[in-house]
Amino acid sequence: MRTHPLTLLALAALCTTVAACSHEPKPDHKGGFLVQGEKVIELPAVSVETQFTPEGFALNYFKGEPTATVRTGDYLILFGDYKPYALTPYKAATGRYEEDSAKPSASDAITVGPMKGETEMFKVRFTKPLPSGVYLLECTQGKGSVGFPFRIEQ
């Protein structure tokens, strides 16, 4: 049997490519995403606004509904120039969600690390269970900030 060097070279390149590929799900465009099993769900970004109470306290809030629910084993992917700095609980208010000052920050419940083979994707994993509720992963993006809201259900 005679083999052609070009065929061998193509086969070697294909094997190297397949071996280097990560088989975990990944988004195909920039943004924030929830990964549930093999399913990638986009998390719509929201702006965090600040209102001052009559007493002079700052009250952070966002408008819109969290569209995804995080369950045990799920994780988040940030694809792009996002740097997470806080995971904050929020509560429903009239026409918006307000920061829930009765609950502590949950920032110590996540770790952020790079995704294998990707330079612009970061995986956000939960390191401990969180109480049910609405949370906002707050990130800087360039010189601004953005949040990715989601629900946690036990």
N, C-alpha and C. Protein backbone atom coordinates (compact mmCIF):
# COMPACT_ATOMS: atom_id res chain seq x y z
N MET A 1 0.84 -1.18 0.00
CA MET A 1 0.00 0.00 0.00
C MET A 1 0.89 1.24 0.00
N ARG A 2 0.62 2.13 -0.89
CA ARG A 2 1.41 3.34 -1.04
C ARG A 2 0.66 4.51 -0.43
N THR A 3 1.35 5.30 0.41
CA THR A 3 0.72 6.48 1.03
C THR A 3 1.35 7.73 0.45
N HIS A 4 0.56 8.74 0.35
CA HIS A 4 1.02 10.02 -0.16
C HIS A 4 1.40 10.91 1.03
N PRO A 5 2.54 11.60 0.92
CA PRO A 5 2.95 12.47 2.03
C PRO A 5 1.91 13.55 2.36
N LEU A 6 1.22 14.05 1.36
CA LEU A 6 0.20 15.07 1.59
C LEU A 6 -0.96 14.50 2.42
N THR A 7 -1.36 13.26 2.15
CA THR A 7 -2.43 12.62 2.91
C THR A 7 -2.01 12.44 4.36
N LEU A 8 -0.78 12.00 4.59
CA LEU A 8 -0.27 11.82 5.95
C LEU A 8 -0.22 13.15 6.70
N LEU A 9 0.22 14.19 6.01
CA LEU A 9 0.29 15.51 6.63
C LEU A 9 -1.10 16.01 7.01
N ALA A 10 -2.08 15.84 6.13
CA ALA A 10 -3.46 16.26 6.42
C ALA A 10 -4.03 15.46 7.58
N LEU A 11 -3.77 14.18 7.64
CA LEU A 11 -4.26 13.34 8.72
C LEU A 11 -3.62 13.74 10.05
N ALA A 12 -2.34 14.04 10.06
CA ALA A 12 -1.65 14.48 11.27
C ALA A 12 -2.22 15.81 11.76
N ALA A 13 -2.48 16.73 10.85
CA ALA A 13 -3.04 18.03 11.22
C ALA A 13 -4.44 17.86 11.81
N LEU A 14 -5.26 17.01 11.23
CA LEU A 14 -6.60 16.75 11.73
C LEU A 14 -6.55 16.15 13.13
N CYS A 15 -5.69 15.19 13.36
CA CYS A 15 -5.56 14.57 14.69
C CYS A 15 -5.12 15.59 15.73
N THR A 16 -4.17 16.45 15.38
CA THR A 16 -3.69 17.47 16.31
C THR A 16 -4.82 18.44 16.65
N THR A 17 -5.59 18.84 15.66
CA THR A 17 -6.69 19.77 15.88
C THR A 17 -7.75 19.15 16.79
N VAL A 18 -8.13 17.92 16.54
CA VAL A 18 -9.14 17.24 17.35
C VAL A 18 -8.64 17.05 18.78
N ALA A 19 -7.39 16.69 18.95
CA ALA A 19 -6.83 16.48 20.29
C ALA A 19 -6.75 17.78 21.07
N ALA A 20 -6.52 18.90 20.40
CA ALA A 20 -6.39 20.20 21.08
C ALA A 20 -7.74 20.82 21.42
N CYS A 21 -8.80 20.38 20.79
CA CYS A 21 -10.11 20.97 21.02
C CYS A 21 -10.64 20.62 22.40
N SER A 22 -11.22 21.59 23.03
CA SER A 22 -11.93 21.37 24.29
C SER A 22 -13.36 21.01 23.92
N HIS A 23 -13.91 20.01 24.57
CA HIS A 23 -15.25 19.56 24.22
C HIS A 23 -16.33 20.22 25.04
N GLU A 24 -15.97 21.22 25.86
CA GLU A 24 -17.00 21.88 26.64
C GLU A 24 -17.71 22.92 25.77
N PRO A 25 -18.97 23.18 26.09
CA PRO A 25 -19.73 24.15 25.27
C PRO A 25 -19.17 25.56 25.42
N LYS A 26 -19.23 26.31 24.32
CA LYS A 26 -18.72 27.68 24.31
C LYS A 26 -19.65 28.55 23.49
N PRO A 27 -19.77 29.82 23.87
CA PRO A 27 -20.59 30.75 23.07
C PRO A 27 -19.88 31.11 21.77
N ASP A 28 -20.67 31.58 20.79
CA ASP A 28 -20.09 31.95 19.50
C ASP A 28 -20.00 33.47 19.30
N HIS A 29 -20.40 34.24 20.34
CA HIS A 29 -20.27 35.70 20.25
C HIS A 29 -20.04 36.24 21.67
N LYS A 30 -19.63 37.49 21.76
CA LYS A 30 -19.26 38.08 23.05
C LYS A 30 -20.48 38.36 23.91
N GLY A 31 -20.28 38.28 25.23
CA GLY A 31 -21.34 38.54 26.19
C GLY A 31 -21.18 37.69 27.43
N GLY A 32 -22.25 37.60 28.21
CA GLY A 32 -22.29 36.77 29.40
C GLY A 32 -23.23 35.60 29.15
N PHE A 33 -22.86 34.41 29.62
CA PHE A 33 -23.61 33.20 29.31
C PHE A 33 -23.69 32.28 30.51
N LEU A 34 -24.77 31.53 30.58
CA LEU A 34 -24.95 30.47 31.56
C LEU A 34 -24.82 29.14 30.83
N VAL A 35 -24.07 28.22 31.42
CA VAL A 35 -23.92 26.90 30.82
C VAL A 35 -24.63 25.89 31.73
N GLN A 36 -25.63 25.21 31.15
CA GLN A 36 -26.37 24.16 31.84
C GLN A 36 -26.19 22.89 31.04
N GLY A 37 -25.37 21.98 31.55
CA GLY A 37 -25.06 20.77 30.81
C GLY A 37 -24.32 21.13 29.53
N GLU A 38 -24.90 20.84 28.39
CA GLU A 38 -24.32 21.18 27.09
C GLU A 38 -24.97 22.41 26.48
N LYS A 39 -25.89 23.03 27.20
CA LYS A 39 -26.67 24.15 26.68
C LYS A 39 -26.05 25.48 27.12
N VAL A 40 -25.87 26.40 26.17
CA VAL A 40 -25.33 27.74 26.44
C VAL A 40 -26.47 28.74 26.31
N ILE A 41 -26.76 29.47 27.41
CA ILE A 41 -27.87 30.41 27.45
C ILE A 41 -27.33 31.82 27.64
N GLU A 42 -27.68 32.73 26.74
CA GLU A 42 -27.18 34.11 26.86
C GLU A 42 -27.88 34.83 28.01
N LEU A 43 -27.10 35.58 28.78
CA LEU A 43 -27.62 36.43 29.85
C LEU A 43 -27.63 37.87 29.33
N PRO A 44 -28.79 38.47 29.18
CA PRO A 44 -28.83 39.86 28.72
C PRO A 44 -28.14 40.78 29.73
N ALA A 45 -27.32 41.68 29.25
CA ALA A 45 -26.61 42.62 30.11
C ALA A 45 -27.56 43.74 30.52
N VAL A 46 -27.37 44.23 31.76
CA VAL A 46 -28.16 45.36 32.26
C VAL A 46 -27.22 46.42 32.81
N SER A 47 -27.69 47.64 32.82
CA SER A 47 -26.94 48.74 33.44
C SER A 47 -27.37 48.85 34.89
N VAL A 48 -26.40 49.06 35.76
CA VAL A 48 -26.70 49.27 37.17
C VAL A 48 -26.81 50.78 37.39
N GLU A 49 -27.96 51.20 37.89
CA GLU A 49 -28.23 52.61 38.15
C GLU A 49 -28.14 52.84 39.66
N THR A 50 -27.95 54.09 40.05
CA THR A 50 -27.89 54.45 41.47
C THR A 50 -28.87 55.57 41.75
N GLN A 51 -29.63 55.39 42.81
CA GLN A 51 -30.58 56.40 43.27
C GLN A 51 -30.21 56.70 44.73
N PHE A 52 -30.34 57.94 45.12
CA PHE A 52 -30.05 58.30 46.50
C PHE A 52 -31.34 58.47 47.28
N THR A 53 -31.38 57.87 48.46
CA THR A 53 -32.56 57.97 49.32
C THR A 53 -32.60 59.36 49.95
N PRO A 54 -33.73 59.77 50.52
CA PRO A 54 -33.80 61.08 51.20
C PRO A 54 -32.76 61.21 52.32
N GLU A 55 -32.35 60.07 52.89
CA GLU A 55 -31.34 60.10 53.96
C GLU A 55 -29.92 60.20 53.41
N GLY A 56 -29.77 60.11 52.08
CA GLY A 56 -28.46 60.23 51.46
C GLY A 56 -27.76 58.91 51.18
N PHE A 57 -28.45 57.78 51.36
CA PHE A 57 -27.85 56.48 51.08
C PHE A 57 -27.99 56.14 49.60
N ALA A 58 -26.97 55.52 49.04
CA ALA A 58 -27.01 55.09 47.64
C ALA A 58 -27.75 53.77 47.54
N LEU A 59 -28.66 53.67 46.58
CA LEU A 59 -29.44 52.46 46.35
C LEU A 59 -29.23 52.05 44.89
N ASN A 60 -28.55 50.92 44.68
CA ASN A 60 -28.31 50.42 43.33
C ASN A 60 -29.51 49.62 42.86
N TYR A 61 -29.81 49.73 41.57
CA TYR A 61 -30.93 48.98 41.00
C TYR A 61 -30.67 48.73 39.52
N PHE A 62 -31.44 47.79 38.97
CA PHE A 62 -31.43 47.56 37.53
C PHE A 62 -32.85 47.27 37.09
N LYS A 63 -33.12 47.53 35.81
CA LYS A 63 -34.43 47.24 35.22
C LYS A 63 -34.30 46.04 34.31
N GLY A 64 -35.38 45.30 34.20
CA GLY A 64 -35.39 44.10 33.37
C GLY A 64 -35.56 42.87 34.25
N GLU A 65 -35.85 41.77 33.61
CA GLU A 65 -36.07 40.51 34.32
C GLU A 65 -34.91 39.55 34.11
N PRO A 66 -34.46 38.88 35.16
CA PRO A 66 -33.47 37.82 34.96
C PRO A 66 -34.10 36.72 34.10
N THR A 67 -33.41 36.30 33.07
CA THR A 67 -33.99 35.34 32.11
C THR A 67 -33.50 33.91 32.32
N ALA A 68 -32.54 33.71 33.21
CA ALA A 68 -31.97 32.37 33.39
C ALA A 68 -31.96 32.00 34.87
N THR A 69 -32.02 30.70 35.12
CA THR A 69 -31.98 30.18 36.48
C THR A 69 -30.78 29.26 36.62
N VAL A 70 -29.93 29.55 37.61
CA VAL A 70 -28.73 28.76 37.87
C VAL A 70 -29.10 27.63 38.83
N ARG A 71 -28.62 26.44 38.50
CA ARG A 71 -28.82 25.27 39.36
C ARG A 71 -27.46 24.66 39.69
N THR A 72 -27.44 23.74 40.62
CA THR A 72 -26.20 23.07 41.01
C THR A 72 -25.49 22.50 39.79
N GLY A 73 -24.20 22.77 39.67
CA GLY A 73 -23.41 22.27 38.55
C GLY A 73 -23.30 23.23 37.38
N ASP A 74 -24.14 24.27 37.34
CA ASP A 74 -24.08 25.26 36.26
C ASP A 74 -22.90 26.19 36.50
N TYR A 75 -22.46 26.85 35.44
CA TYR A 75 -21.43 27.87 35.56
C TYR A 75 -21.67 28.95 34.51
N LEU A 76 -20.94 30.06 34.65
CA LEU A 76 -21.08 31.18 33.74
C LEU A 76 -19.84 31.31 32.89
N ILE A 77 -20.00 31.86 31.69
CA ILE A 77 -18.87 32.20 30.82
C ILE A 77 -18.97 33.67 30.48
N LEU A 78 -17.88 34.37 30.65
CA LEU A 78 -17.78 35.77 30.21
C LEU A 78 -16.87 35.77 28.99
N PHE A 79 -17.38 36.22 27.85
CA PHE A 79 -16.64 36.25 26.60
C PHE A 79 -16.49 37.71 26.20
N GLY A 80 -15.27 38.22 26.33
CA GLY A 80 -15.01 39.62 25.99
C GLY A 80 -14.25 40.31 27.10
N ASP A 81 -14.28 41.62 27.07
CA ASP A 81 -13.52 42.45 28.01
C ASP A 81 -14.30 42.67 29.30
N TYR A 82 -14.68 41.59 29.99
CA TYR A 82 -15.44 41.68 31.23
C TYR A 82 -14.55 41.26 32.40
N LYS A 83 -14.56 42.05 33.46
CA LYS A 83 -13.81 41.74 34.68
C LYS A 83 -14.80 41.77 35.84
N PRO A 84 -15.21 40.60 36.35
CA PRO A 84 -16.18 40.58 37.44
C PRO A 84 -15.59 41.13 38.73
N TYR A 85 -16.37 41.93 39.45
CA TYR A 85 -15.89 42.48 40.71
C TYR A 85 -16.86 42.24 41.86
N ALA A 86 -18.09 41.83 41.59
CA ALA A 86 -19.04 41.57 42.68
C ALA A 86 -20.16 40.66 42.22
N LEU A 87 -20.63 39.85 43.15
CA LEU A 87 -21.85 39.06 42.96
C LEU A 87 -22.78 39.51 44.08
N THR A 88 -23.84 40.21 43.72
CA THR A 88 -24.68 40.90 44.68
C THR A 88 -26.11 40.41 44.64
N PRO A 89 -26.73 40.15 45.81
CA PRO A 89 -28.15 39.78 45.82
C PRO A 89 -29.04 41.01 45.59
N TYR A 90 -30.13 40.80 44.88
CA TYR A 90 -31.11 41.86 44.60
C TYR A 90 -32.49 41.35 44.97
N LYS A 91 -33.41 42.27 45.17
CA LYS A 91 -34.80 41.91 45.47
C LYS A 91 -35.73 42.68 44.54
N ALA A 92 -36.90 42.09 44.31
CA ALA A 92 -37.88 42.72 43.43
C ALA A 92 -38.46 43.97 44.10
N ALA A 93 -38.61 45.01 43.30
CA ALA A 93 -39.27 46.25 43.72
C ALA A 93 -40.20 46.65 42.58
N THR A 94 -40.92 47.71 42.72
CA THR A 94 -41.86 48.13 41.69
C THR A 94 -41.12 48.52 40.41
N GLY A 95 -41.26 47.69 39.37
CA GLY A 95 -40.69 47.99 38.07
C GLY A 95 -39.18 47.82 37.96
N ARG A 96 -38.54 47.25 38.98
CA ARG A 96 -37.08 47.08 38.94
C ARG A 96 -36.63 46.12 40.04
N TYR A 97 -35.34 45.85 40.06
CA TYR A 97 -34.72 45.06 41.13
C TYR A 97 -33.74 45.96 41.86
N GLU A 98 -33.83 45.95 43.19
CA GLU A 98 -32.96 46.78 44.02
C GLU A 98 -31.99 45.91 44.80
N GLU A 99 -30.81 46.44 45.06
CA GLU A 99 -29.82 45.72 45.84
C GLU A 99 -30.42 45.38 47.20
N ASP A 100 -30.27 44.12 47.61
CA ASP A 100 -30.83 43.65 48.88
C ASP A 100 -29.79 43.84 49.98
N SER A 101 -29.87 44.97 50.68
CA SER A 101 -28.88 45.29 51.71
C SER A 101 -29.02 44.41 52.94
N ALA A 102 -30.10 43.65 53.05
CA ALA A 102 -30.28 42.74 54.19
C ALA A 102 -29.45 41.47 54.01
N LYS A 103 -28.97 41.21 52.79
CA LYS A 103 -28.16 40.01 52.51
C LYS A 103 -26.73 40.44 52.21
N PRO A 104 -25.77 39.64 52.63
CA PRO A 104 -24.37 39.99 52.34
C PRO A 104 -24.01 39.74 50.88
N SER A 105 -22.94 40.38 50.44
CA SER A 105 -22.41 40.14 49.10
C SER A 105 -22.05 38.66 48.99
N ALA A 106 -22.20 38.11 47.80
CA ALA A 106 -21.88 36.70 47.57
C ALA A 106 -20.61 36.55 46.75
N SER A 107 -19.79 37.59 46.69
CA SER A 107 -18.59 37.57 45.86
C SER A 107 -17.62 36.47 46.25
N ASP A 108 -17.65 36.05 47.51
CA ASP A 108 -16.74 34.98 47.94
C ASP A 108 -17.23 33.60 47.51
N ALA A 109 -18.39 33.52 46.85
CA ALA A 109 -18.96 32.25 46.42
C ALA A 109 -18.62 31.92 44.97
N ILE A 110 -17.75 32.72 44.33
CA ILE A 110 -17.37 32.45 42.93
C ILE A 110 -15.86 32.47 42.77
N THR A 111 -15.41 31.74 41.77
CA THR A 111 -14.02 31.83 41.32
C THR A 111 -14.05 32.11 39.82
N VAL A 112 -13.07 32.82 39.35
CA VAL A 112 -12.99 33.16 37.93
C VAL A 112 -11.65 32.67 37.40
N GLY A 113 -11.69 31.94 36.30
CA GLY A 113 -10.46 31.43 35.69
C GLY A 113 -10.59 31.37 34.19
N PRO A 114 -9.45 31.28 33.50
CA PRO A 114 -9.48 31.23 32.04
C PRO A 114 -10.04 29.89 31.54
N MET A 115 -10.60 29.91 30.35
CA MET A 115 -11.05 28.67 29.71
C MET A 115 -9.91 28.13 28.86
N LYS A 116 -9.73 26.85 28.89
CA LYS A 116 -8.66 26.18 28.16
C LYS A 116 -8.73 26.50 26.67
N GLY A 117 -7.64 27.01 26.14
CA GLY A 117 -7.55 27.28 24.71
C GLY A 117 -8.22 28.56 24.26
N GLU A 118 -8.73 29.37 25.18
CA GLU A 118 -9.42 30.61 24.82
C GLU A 118 -8.77 31.79 25.53
N THR A 119 -8.50 32.85 24.80
CA THR A 119 -7.86 34.02 25.41
C THR A 119 -8.86 35.06 25.89
N GLU A 120 -10.09 35.03 25.37
CA GLU A 120 -11.09 36.04 25.74
C GLU A 120 -12.27 35.47 26.51
N MET A 121 -12.19 34.20 26.90
CA MET A 121 -13.29 33.57 27.64
C MET A 121 -12.83 33.21 29.04
N PHE A 122 -13.70 33.53 30.01
CA PHE A 122 -13.42 33.22 31.40
C PHE A 122 -14.60 32.47 31.99
N LYS A 123 -14.28 31.46 32.78
CA LYS A 123 -15.31 30.64 33.42
C LYS A 123 -15.51 31.13 34.85
N VAL A 124 -16.76 31.34 35.22
CA VAL A 124 -17.13 31.76 36.57
C VAL A 124 -17.84 30.56 37.21
N ARG A 125 -17.20 29.98 38.22
CA ARG A 125 -17.75 28.81 38.91
C ARG A 125 -18.23 29.21 40.31
N PHE A 126 -19.25 28.51 40.77
CA PHE A 126 -19.76 28.73 42.11
C PHE A 126 -19.04 27.78 43.06
N THR A 127 -18.49 28.32 44.14
CA THR A 127 -17.70 27.52 45.08
C THR A 127 -18.51 27.03 46.28
N LYS A 128 -19.68 27.60 46.46
CA LYS A 128 -20.55 27.15 47.55
C LYS A 128 -22.00 27.46 47.18
N PRO A 129 -22.92 26.74 47.79
CA PRO A 129 -24.34 27.00 47.49
C PRO A 129 -24.76 28.39 47.98
N LEU A 130 -25.62 29.01 47.23
CA LEU A 130 -26.16 30.33 47.60
C LEU A 130 -27.66 30.19 47.85
N PRO A 131 -28.20 31.03 48.74
CA PRO A 131 -29.65 31.00 48.95
C PRO A 131 -30.39 31.36 47.66
N SER A 132 -31.60 30.86 47.53
CA SER A 132 -32.43 31.19 46.38
C SER A 132 -32.64 32.69 46.30
N GLY A 133 -32.76 33.20 45.09
CA GLY A 133 -33.00 34.62 44.89
C GLY A 133 -32.42 35.12 43.58
N VAL A 134 -32.46 36.42 43.41
CA VAL A 134 -31.92 37.08 42.22
C VAL A 134 -30.55 37.64 42.56
N TYR A 135 -29.59 37.39 41.66
CA TYR A 135 -28.21 37.87 41.84
C TYR A 135 -27.78 38.61 40.59
N LEU A 136 -26.84 39.52 40.78
CA LEU A 136 -26.28 40.27 39.66
C LEU A 136 -24.77 40.12 39.70
N LEU A 137 -24.20 39.55 38.62
CA LEU A 137 -22.74 39.49 38.48
C LEU A 137 -22.33 40.82 37.87
N GLU A 138 -21.68 41.64 38.68
CA GLU A 138 -21.28 42.97 38.24
C GLU A 138 -19.86 42.92 37.68
N CYS A 139 -19.68 43.53 36.50
CA CYS A 139 -18.39 43.48 35.80
C CYS A 139 -18.02 44.86 35.29
N THR A 140 -16.72 45.12 35.23
CA THR A 140 -16.27 46.28 34.48
C THR A 140 -16.11 45.82 33.04
N GLN A 141 -16.36 46.74 32.13
CA GLN A 141 -16.18 46.49 30.71
C GLN A 141 -15.55 47.74 30.13
N GLY A 142 -14.24 47.65 29.88
CA GLY A 142 -13.53 48.85 29.45
C GLY A 142 -13.57 49.86 30.58
N LYS A 143 -14.10 51.05 30.30
CA LYS A 143 -14.19 52.09 31.33
C LYS A 143 -15.57 52.14 31.99
N GLY A 144 -16.49 51.30 31.54
CA GLY A 144 -17.83 51.29 32.11
C GLY A 144 -18.07 50.05 32.94
N SER A 145 -19.33 49.84 33.30
CA SER A 145 -19.69 48.63 34.03
C SER A 145 -21.01 48.10 33.50
N VAL A 146 -21.21 46.81 33.70
CA VAL A 146 -22.40 46.12 33.22
C VAL A 146 -22.68 44.98 34.20
N GLY A 147 -23.93 44.53 34.24
CA GLY A 147 -24.29 43.42 35.10
C GLY A 147 -25.02 42.35 34.33
N PHE A 148 -24.90 41.11 34.83
CA PHE A 148 -25.60 39.97 34.24
C PHE A 148 -26.49 39.36 35.33
N PRO A 149 -27.82 39.60 35.27
CA PRO A 149 -28.70 39.07 36.31
C PRO A 149 -29.13 37.63 36.04
N PHE A 150 -29.37 36.89 37.11
CA PHE A 150 -29.88 35.53 37.03
C PHE A 150 -30.53 35.16 38.35
N ARG A 151 -31.29 34.08 38.32
CA ARG A 151 -31.92 33.56 39.54
C ARG A 151 -31.17 32.31 39.99
N ILE A 152 -31.22 32.09 41.29
CA ILE A 152 -30.73 30.82 41.85
C ILE A 152 -31.91 30.16 42.53
N GLU A 153 -32.13 28.90 42.18
CA GLU A 153 -33.18 28.11 42.82
C GLU A 153 -32.56 26.86 43.36
N GLN A 154 -32.99 26.49 44.55
CA GLN A 154 -32.48 25.27 45.18
C GLN A 154 -33.35 24.10 44.88
